[in-house]
Amino acid sequence: MKVYVIDYHKDDPKKCTGKKLVKLKLAELTRVGKGIILDPFSERTLSINDKDILIKSGITIIDTSWNNPSQNEFKNVRGEHRRLPILFAGNPVHYGIAYKLSSLEALMATLYILDEVDEAIKFSNIVKWGHTFIELNKELLEAYRNKDEEEIKKIEEEIIEKILRK
């Protein structure tokens, strides 16, 4: 499985998990999208149906600031754009905030949802808080795991509904 990173240099280099993946030679820097493009603005949700794309072409993480992501940074990248369903950040900067995942968290979530749990766990060992992300989202990740897009969207809707009722 290939992991690619497009780096827009908008993150603090010391906290940037995309740069860390490249530095550890677990990902390759690229200027073009390859395989699944993780895109929070995508209308398509990642699902088990995307596993063949992951295996054949890999995954591209667009590394930009999640404080103010620009839709243009994503839409200009060619590939199979997918968004992740609701998950909560386990990183110390955005802990507990829905959808504000680091690049590494997004990669771990993708692997988990596509039933590559052992790979997701391996990547969680890269940072001190990696296991925190997995544990915080364990129930959600298990619910999304190995499901098709419609099933995941339904689960996500139910979760958001529960949150809004509180």
C-alpha atoms as a PDB file:
ATOM      1  CA  MET A   1       0.000   0.000   0.000  1.00  0.00           C
ATOM      2  CA  LYS A   2       1.394   3.353  -1.062  1.00  0.00           C
ATOM      3  CA  VAL A   3       0.845   6.532   0.937  1.00  0.00           C
ATOM      4  CA  TYR A   4       1.387   9.908  -0.721  1.00  0.00           C
ATOM      5  CA  VAL A   5       1.427  13.385   0.790  1.00  0.00           C
ATOM      6  CA  ILE A   6       0.780  16.687  -0.973  1.00  0.00           C
ATOM      7  CA  ASP A   7       2.239  19.318   1.352  1.00  0.00           C
ATOM      8  CA  TYR A   8       0.956  22.898   1.131  1.00  0.00           C
ATOM      9  CA  HIS A   9       3.357  24.005   3.926  1.00  0.00           C
ATOM     10  CA  LYS A  10       0.588  25.577   6.025  1.00  0.00           C
ATOM     11  CA  ASP A  11       1.133  23.537   9.184  1.00  0.00           C
ATOM     12  CA  ASP A  12       3.568  23.953  12.026  1.00  0.00           C
ATOM     13  CA  PRO A  13       6.406  21.653  10.831  1.00  0.00           C
ATOM     14  CA  LYS A  14       6.934  20.343  14.376  1.00  0.00           C
ATOM     15  CA  LYS A  15       3.302  19.170  14.639  1.00  0.00           C
ATOM     16  CA  CYS A  16       2.800  18.152  11.011  1.00  0.00           C
ATOM     17  CA  THR A  17       2.077  14.424  10.836  1.00  0.00           C
ATOM     18  CA  GLY A  18       2.242  14.390   7.027  1.00  0.00           C
ATOM     19  CA  LYS A  19       5.849  15.589   7.162  1.00  0.00           C
ATOM     20  CA  LYS A  20       6.547  13.011   9.853  1.00  0.00           C
ATOM     21  CA  LEU A  21       5.240  10.198   7.611  1.00  0.00           C
ATOM     22  CA  VAL A  22       7.533  11.370   4.798  1.00  0.00           C
ATOM     23  CA  LYS A  23      10.509  11.781   7.138  1.00  0.00           C
ATOM     24  CA  LEU A  24      10.037   8.211   8.398  1.00  0.00           C
ATOM     25  CA  LYS A  25       9.778   7.009   4.770  1.00  0.00           C
ATOM     26  CA  LEU A  26       6.233   5.765   5.387  1.00  0.00           C
ATOM     27  CA  ALA A  27       4.889   8.141   2.736  1.00  0.00           C
ATOM     28  CA  GLU A  28       6.179   9.782  -0.407  1.00  0.00           C
ATOM     29  CA  LEU A  29       5.860  13.474  -1.259  1.00  0.00           C
ATOM     30  CA  THR A  30       3.976  14.122  -4.482  1.00  0.00           C
ATOM     31  CA  ARG A  31       2.468  17.024  -6.394  1.00  0.00           C
ATOM     32  CA  VAL A  32      -0.288  14.965  -8.002  1.00  0.00           C
ATOM     33  CA  GLY A  33      -3.091  12.931  -6.505  1.00  0.00           C
ATOM     34  CA  LYS A  34      -2.872   9.164  -6.616  1.00  0.00           C
ATOM     35  CA  GLY A  35      -5.546   6.650  -5.631  1.00  0.00           C
ATOM     36  CA  ILE A  36      -7.927   7.754  -2.896  1.00  0.00           C
ATOM     37  CA  ILE A  37      -7.712  11.483  -2.173  1.00  0.00           C
ATOM     38  CA  LEU A  38      -8.785  12.244   1.388  1.00  0.00           C
ATOM     39  CA  ASP A  39     -10.957  15.333   1.009  1.00  0.00           C
ATOM     40  CA  PRO A  40     -13.234  16.726   3.749  1.00  0.00           C
ATOM     41  CA  PHE A  41     -15.265  18.538   1.063  1.00  0.00           C
ATOM     42  CA  SER A  42     -16.015  15.438  -1.015  1.00  0.00           C
ATOM     43  CA  GLU A  43     -19.608  14.341  -1.492  1.00  0.00           C
ATOM     44  CA  ARG A  44     -18.492  10.698  -1.555  1.00  0.00           C
ATOM     45  CA  THR A  45     -17.809   8.945   1.739  1.00  0.00           C
ATOM     46  CA  LEU A  46     -14.990   6.447   2.121  1.00  0.00           C
ATOM     47  CA  SER A  47     -16.246   2.860   2.295  1.00  0.00           C
ATOM     48  CA  ILE A  48     -15.134  -0.734   1.838  1.00  0.00           C
ATOM     49  CA  ASN A  49     -15.974  -0.305  -1.861  1.00  0.00           C
ATOM     50  CA  ASP A  50     -12.809   1.825  -2.099  1.00  0.00           C
ATOM     51  CA  LYS A  51     -10.447  -0.887  -0.910  1.00  0.00           C
ATOM     52  CA  ASP A  52      -9.444  -1.904  -4.457  1.00  0.00           C
ATOM     53  CA  ILE A  53      -8.379   1.692  -5.163  1.00  0.00           C
ATOM     54  CA  LEU A  54      -6.242   1.661  -2.015  1.00  0.00           C
ATOM     55  CA  ILE A  55      -4.591  -1.618  -2.987  1.00  0.00           C
ATOM     56  CA  LYS A  56      -3.996  -0.704  -6.645  1.00  0.00           C
ATOM     57  CA  SER A  57      -3.164   3.004  -6.434  1.00  0.00           C
ATOM     58  CA  GLY A  58      -2.666   3.981  -2.791  1.00  0.00           C
ATOM     59  CA  ILE A  59      -3.907   6.974  -0.850  1.00  0.00           C
ATOM     60  CA  THR A  60      -3.062  10.680  -1.029  1.00  0.00           C
ATOM     61  CA  ILE A  61      -3.232  12.907   2.023  1.00  0.00           C
ATOM     62  CA  ILE A  62      -3.412  16.624   1.382  1.00  0.00           C
ATOM     63  CA  ASP A  63      -1.455  18.160   4.211  1.00  0.00           C
ATOM     64  CA  THR A  64      -2.808  21.616   4.969  1.00  0.00           C
ATOM     65  CA  SER A  65      -3.981  23.528   7.997  1.00  0.00           C
ATOM     66  CA  TRP A  66      -7.260  22.165   9.367  1.00  0.00           C
ATOM     67  CA  ASN A  67      -7.871  25.518  11.038  1.00  0.00           C
ATOM     68  CA  ASN A  68      -8.815  27.013   7.687  1.00  0.00           C
ATOM     69  CA  PRO A  69      -8.818  24.444   4.896  1.00  0.00           C
ATOM     70  CA  SER A  70      -9.548  25.751   1.417  1.00  0.00           C
ATOM     71  CA  GLN A  71     -11.805  23.782  -0.887  1.00  0.00           C
ATOM     72  CA  ASN A  72      -9.518  24.831  -3.774  1.00  0.00           C
ATOM     73  CA  GLU A  73      -6.606  22.945  -2.229  1.00  0.00           C
ATOM     74  CA  PHE A  74      -8.607  19.769  -2.646  1.00  0.00           C
ATOM     75  CA  LYS A  75     -10.647  20.252  -5.816  1.00  0.00           C
ATOM     76  CA  ASN A  76      -7.569  20.869  -7.977  1.00  0.00           C
ATOM     77  CA  VAL A  77      -6.167  17.430  -7.138  1.00  0.00           C
ATOM     78  CA  ARG A  78      -7.157  14.626  -9.500  1.00  0.00           C
ATOM     79  CA  GLY A  79      -8.171  11.265  -8.143  1.00  0.00           C
ATOM     80  CA  GLU A  80     -10.946   9.464  -6.284  1.00  0.00           C
ATOM     81  CA  HIS A  81     -11.993  12.002  -3.650  1.00  0.00           C
ATOM     82  CA  ARG A  82     -13.477  10.627  -0.450  1.00  0.00           C
ATOM     83  CA  ARG A  83     -14.364  12.165   2.886  1.00  0.00           C
ATOM     84  CA  LEU A  84     -14.240  10.390   6.206  1.00  0.00           C
ATOM     85  CA  PRO A  85     -17.385   9.996   8.296  1.00  0.00           C
ATOM     86  CA  ILE A  86     -17.605  11.717  11.665  1.00  0.00           C
ATOM     87  CA  LEU A  87     -14.652  10.911  13.901  1.00  0.00           C
ATOM     88  CA  PHE A  88     -13.079  12.838  16.759  1.00  0.00           C
ATOM     89  CA  ALA A  89      -9.503  14.070  16.908  1.00  0.00           C
ATOM     90  CA  GLY A  90      -7.232  12.350  19.401  1.00  0.00           C
ATOM     91  CA  ASN A  91      -4.316  14.692  18.778  1.00  0.00           C
ATOM     92  CA  PRO A  92      -3.436  17.217  21.487  1.00  0.00           C
ATOM     93  CA  VAL A  93      -4.166  20.263  19.277  1.00  0.00           C
ATOM     94  CA  HIS A  94      -7.789  19.423  18.387  1.00  0.00           C
ATOM     95  CA  TYR A  95      -8.630  16.721  20.944  1.00  0.00           C
ATOM     96  CA  GLY A  96     -12.291  15.706  20.855  1.00  0.00           C
ATOM     97  CA  ILE A  97     -13.257  17.955  17.927  1.00  0.00           C
ATOM     98  CA  ALA A  98     -15.231  16.242  15.184  1.00  0.00           C
ATOM     99  CA  TYR A  99     -13.688  16.144  11.704  1.00  0.00           C
ATOM    100  CA  LYS A 100     -10.470  17.998  12.745  1.00  0.00           C
ATOM    101  CA  LEU A 101      -8.148  15.055  12.226  1.00  0.00           C
ATOM    102  CA  SER A 102      -4.442  15.223  11.593  1.00  0.00           C
ATOM    103  CA  SER A 103      -3.126  13.646   8.398  1.00  0.00           C
ATOM    104  CA  LEU A 104      -1.978  10.636  10.401  1.00  0.00           C
ATOM    105  CA  GLU A 105      -5.384  10.240  12.070  1.00  0.00           C
ATOM    106  CA  ALA A 106      -7.078  10.424   8.661  1.00  0.00           C
ATOM    107  CA  LEU A 107      -4.741   7.726   7.369  1.00  0.00           C
ATOM    108  CA  MET A 108      -5.373   5.492  10.409  1.00  0.00           C
ATOM    109  CA  ALA A 109      -9.137   5.957  10.043  1.00  0.00           C
ATOM    110  CA  THR A 110      -8.993   5.106   6.347  1.00  0.00           C
ATOM    111  CA  LEU A 111      -7.072   1.918   7.001  1.00  0.00           C
ATOM    112  CA  TYR A 112      -9.396   0.900   9.829  1.00  0.00           C
ATOM    113  CA  ILE A 113     -12.575   1.519   7.807  1.00  0.00           C
ATOM    114  CA  LEU A 114     -11.109  -0.442   4.877  1.00  0.00           C
ATOM    115  CA  ASP A 115     -10.510  -3.378   7.239  1.00  0.00           C
ATOM    116  CA  GLU A 116      -6.747  -2.912   7.440  1.00  0.00           C
ATOM    117  CA  VAL A 117      -6.846  -2.684  11.236  1.00  0.00           C
ATOM    118  CA  ASP A 118      -3.346  -4.079  11.834  1.00  0.00           C
ATOM    119  CA  GLU A 119      -1.916  -1.426   9.496  1.00  0.00           C
ATOM    120  CA  ALA A 120      -3.899   1.295  11.279  1.00  0.00           C
ATOM    121  CA  ILE A 121      -2.477   0.122  14.624  1.00  0.00           C
ATOM    122  CA  LYS A 122       1.070   0.139  13.216  1.00  0.00           C
ATOM    123  CA  PHE A 123       0.644   3.762  12.118  1.00  0.00           C
ATOM    124  CA  SER A 124      -0.777   4.660  15.536  1.00  0.00           C
ATOM    125  CA  ASN A 125       2.628   3.845  17.040  1.00  0.00           C
ATOM    126  CA  ILE A 126       4.261   6.780  15.220  1.00  0.00           C
ATOM    127  CA  VAL A 127       3.074   9.393  17.722  1.00  0.00           C
ATOM    128  CA  LYS A 128       2.417   9.267  21.471  1.00  0.00           C
ATOM    129  CA  TRP A 129      -1.273  10.026  21.029  1.00  0.00           C
ATOM    130  CA  GLY A 130      -1.888   7.591  18.139  1.00  0.00           C
ATOM    131  CA  HIS A 131      -3.537   5.001  20.347  1.00  0.00           C
ATOM    132  CA  THR A 132      -5.665   7.757  21.914  1.00  0.00           C
ATOM    133  CA  PHE A 133      -7.251   8.383  18.509  1.00  0.00           C
ATOM    134  CA  ILE A 134      -8.019   4.687  18.033  1.00  0.00           C
ATOM    135  CA  GLU A 135      -9.457   4.275  21.551  1.00  0.00           C
ATOM    136  CA  LEU A 136     -11.487   7.499  21.402  1.00  0.00           C
ATOM    137  CA  ASN A 137     -13.085   6.391  18.125  1.00  0.00           C
ATOM    138  CA  LYS A 138     -13.078   2.609  18.634  1.00  0.00           C
ATOM    139  CA  GLU A 139     -16.865   2.225  18.624  1.00  0.00           C
ATOM    140  CA  LEU A 140     -17.258   4.431  15.545  1.00  0.00           C
ATOM    141  CA  LEU A 141     -14.386   2.808  13.657  1.00  0.00           C
ATOM    142  CA  GLU A 142     -15.820  -0.638  14.355  1.00  0.00           C
ATOM    143  CA  ALA A 143     -19.256   0.533  13.209  1.00  0.00           C
ATOM    144  CA  TYR A 144     -17.826   1.886   9.918  1.00  0.00           C
ATOM    145  CA  ARG A 145     -15.414  -0.978   9.354  1.00  0.00           C
ATOM    146  CA  ASN A 146     -16.023  -3.066   6.257  1.00  0.00           C
ATOM    147  CA  LYS A 147     -19.293  -1.213   5.439  1.00  0.00           C
ATOM    148  CA  ASP A 148     -20.481   0.193   2.120  1.00  0.00           C
ATOM    149  CA  GLU A 149     -21.066   3.906   1.581  1.00  0.00           C
ATOM    150  CA  GLU A 150     -24.811   3.894   2.265  1.00  0.00           C
ATOM    151  CA  GLU A 151     -24.374   1.961   5.518  1.00  0.00           C
ATOM    152  CA  ILE A 152     -21.669   4.375   6.689  1.00  0.00           C
ATOM    153  CA  LYS A 153     -23.769   7.430   5.829  1.00  0.00           C
ATOM    154  CA  LYS A 154     -26.688   5.979   7.786  1.00  0.00           C
ATOM    155  CA  ILE A 155     -24.501   5.286  10.835  1.00  0.00           C
ATOM    156  CA  GLU A 156     -23.024   8.788  10.611  1.00  0.00           C
ATOM    157  CA  GLU A 157     -26.499  10.384  10.427  1.00  0.00           C
ATOM    158  CA  GLU A 158     -27.577   8.460  13.539  1.00  0.00           C
ATOM    159  CA  ILE A 159     -24.457   9.588  15.428  1.00  0.00           C
ATOM    160  CA  ILE A 160     -24.940  13.243  14.469  1.00  0.00           C
ATOM    161  CA  GLU A 161     -28.610  13.029  15.452  1.00  0.00           C
ATOM    162  CA  LYS A 162     -27.661  11.663  18.901  1.00  0.00           C
ATOM    163  CA  ILE A 163     -25.116  14.455  19.403  1.00  0.00           C
ATOM    164  CA  LEU A 164     -27.636  17.136  18.444  1.00  0.00           C
ATOM    165  CA  ARG A 165     -30.259  15.749  20.857  1.00  0.00           C
ATOM    166  CA  LYS A 166     -27.917  16.137  23.844  1.00  0.00           C
END
